Amino acid sequence: MDIKNCFLNADDSILFKAFEEFLEHEETGNLKSGIIKNIAYQINQFQAISIAINFVEMELLKEMAIRYYERN
């Protein structure tokens, strides 16, 4: 699975929901079931879940930044 494509092909509402999950995870240290965790579990076959979550969150943030700065 290519993590980048998961967010590249997502609409803005999905990115926003995933970003809310990310912010809650940053604040509480607890990642509830949702977009980030689902993608992380799909790529988990190759690395530890905590590493997979980190990869997913970084790709989410990159895609959000690209969309924001391309529009402004």
C-alpha atoms as a PDB file:
ATOM      1  CA  MET A   1       0.000   0.000   0.000  1.00  0.00           C
ATOM      2  CA  ASP A   2       1.270   3.457  -0.894  1.00  0.00           C
ATOM      3  CA  ILE A   3       0.450   5.757   2.018  1.00  0.00           C
ATOM      4  CA  LYS A   4       0.934   8.906  -0.042  1.00  0.00           C
ATOM      5  CA  ASN A   5      -1.795   7.865  -2.484  1.00  0.00           C
ATOM      6  CA  CYS A   6      -4.229   7.293   0.367  1.00  0.00           C
ATOM      7  CA  PHE A   7      -4.217  11.013   1.094  1.00  0.00           C
ATOM      8  CA  LEU A   8      -3.525  12.226  -2.440  1.00  0.00           C
ATOM      9  CA  ASN A   9      -6.818  10.693  -3.569  1.00  0.00           C
ATOM     10  CA  ALA A  10      -8.809  11.721  -0.472  1.00  0.00           C
ATOM     11  CA  ASP A  11     -11.144  14.682  -0.535  1.00  0.00           C
ATOM     12  CA  ASP A  12     -10.696  17.609   1.815  1.00  0.00           C
ATOM     13  CA  SER A  13     -13.300  16.389   4.301  1.00  0.00           C
ATOM     14  CA  ILE A  14     -11.376  13.123   4.802  1.00  0.00           C
ATOM     15  CA  LEU A  15      -8.126  15.040   5.280  1.00  0.00           C
ATOM     16  CA  PHE A  16      -9.805  17.308   7.816  1.00  0.00           C
ATOM     17  CA  LYS A  17     -11.211  14.350   9.760  1.00  0.00           C
ATOM     18  CA  ALA A  18      -7.806  12.629   9.738  1.00  0.00           C
ATOM     19  CA  PHE A  19      -6.189  15.880  10.896  1.00  0.00           C
ATOM     20  CA  GLU A  20      -8.595  16.047  13.836  1.00  0.00           C
ATOM     21  CA  GLU A  21      -7.568  12.480  14.720  1.00  0.00           C
ATOM     22  CA  PHE A  22      -3.924  13.533  14.468  1.00  0.00           C
ATOM     23  CA  LEU A  23      -4.425  16.530  16.779  1.00  0.00           C
ATOM     24  CA  GLU A  24      -6.211  14.401  19.365  1.00  0.00           C
ATOM     25  CA  HIS A  25      -3.431  11.814  19.163  1.00  0.00           C
ATOM     26  CA  GLU A  26      -0.815  14.527  19.698  1.00  0.00           C
ATOM     27  CA  GLU A  27      -2.714  15.928  22.686  1.00  0.00           C
ATOM     28  CA  THR A  28      -3.726  12.714  24.457  1.00  0.00           C
ATOM     29  CA  GLY A  29      -1.228  10.149  23.196  1.00  0.00           C
ATOM     30  CA  ASN A  30      -4.206   7.917  22.387  1.00  0.00           C
ATOM     31  CA  LEU A  31      -5.149   7.178  18.780  1.00  0.00           C
ATOM     32  CA  LYS A  32      -8.787   6.136  18.472  1.00  0.00           C
ATOM     33  CA  SER A  33     -10.052   3.959  15.633  1.00  0.00           C
ATOM     34  CA  GLY A  34     -10.398   5.973  12.477  1.00  0.00           C
ATOM     35  CA  ILE A  35      -8.686   6.913   9.248  1.00  0.00           C
ATOM     36  CA  ILE A  36      -5.087   7.024  10.512  1.00  0.00           C
ATOM     37  CA  LYS A  37      -5.322   3.798  12.473  1.00  0.00           C
ATOM     38  CA  ASN A  38      -7.019   1.955   9.584  1.00  0.00           C
ATOM     39  CA  ILE A  39      -4.289   2.925   7.132  1.00  0.00           C
ATOM     40  CA  ALA A  40      -1.565   2.151   9.666  1.00  0.00           C
ATOM     41  CA  TYR A  41      -2.941  -1.347  10.253  1.00  0.00           C
ATOM     42  CA  GLN A  42      -2.996  -1.967   6.498  1.00  0.00           C
ATOM     43  CA  ILE A  43       0.730  -1.192   6.197  1.00  0.00           C
ATOM     44  CA  ASN A  44       1.609  -2.796   9.528  1.00  0.00           C
ATOM     45  CA  GLN A  45       2.698  -6.018   7.855  1.00  0.00           C
ATOM     46  CA  PHE A  46       6.145  -4.498   7.294  1.00  0.00           C
ATOM     47  CA  GLN A  47       6.850  -2.534  10.462  1.00  0.00           C
ATOM     48  CA  ALA A  48       5.681  -1.921  14.028  1.00  0.00           C
ATOM     49  CA  ILE A  49       2.301  -0.217  14.385  1.00  0.00           C
ATOM     50  CA  SER A  50       3.790   2.869  16.079  1.00  0.00           C
ATOM     51  CA  ILE A  51       6.126   3.379  13.121  1.00  0.00           C
ATOM     52  CA  ALA A  52       3.275   2.810  10.688  1.00  0.00           C
ATOM     53  CA  ILE A  53       1.150   5.419  12.486  1.00  0.00           C
ATOM     54  CA  ASN A  54       4.016   7.893  12.281  1.00  0.00           C
ATOM     55  CA  PHE A  55       4.371   7.331   8.530  1.00  0.00           C
ATOM     56  CA  VAL A  56       0.635   7.797   8.006  1.00  0.00           C
ATOM     57  CA  GLU A  57       0.530  10.997  10.047  1.00  0.00           C
ATOM     58  CA  MET A  58       3.505  12.479   8.213  1.00  0.00           C
ATOM     59  CA  GLU A  59       1.937  11.799   4.808  1.00  0.00           C
ATOM     60  CA  LEU A  60      -1.326  13.357   6.026  1.00  0.00           C
ATOM     61  CA  LEU A  61       0.469  16.521   7.103  1.00  0.00           C
ATOM     62  CA  LYS A  62       2.449  16.718   3.857  1.00  0.00           C
ATOM     63  CA  GLU A  63      -0.670  16.406   1.704  1.00  0.00           C
ATOM     64  CA  MET A  64      -2.523  19.026   3.759  1.00  0.00           C
ATOM     65  CA  ALA A  65       0.400  21.450   3.483  1.00  0.00           C
ATOM     66  CA  ILE A  66       0.687  20.919  -0.276  1.00  0.00           C
ATOM     67  CA  ARG A  67      -3.015  21.604  -0.789  1.00  0.00           C
ATOM     68  CA  TYR A  68      -2.944  24.683   1.433  1.00  0.00           C
ATOM     69  CA  TYR A  69       0.097  26.282  -0.128  1.00  0.00           C
ATOM     70  CA  GLU A  70      -1.000  25.517  -3.685  1.00  0.00           C
ATOM     71  CA  ARG A  71      -4.243  27.396  -3.059  1.00  0.00           C
ATOM     72  CA  ASN A  72      -2.647  30.452  -1.458  1.00  0.00           C
END
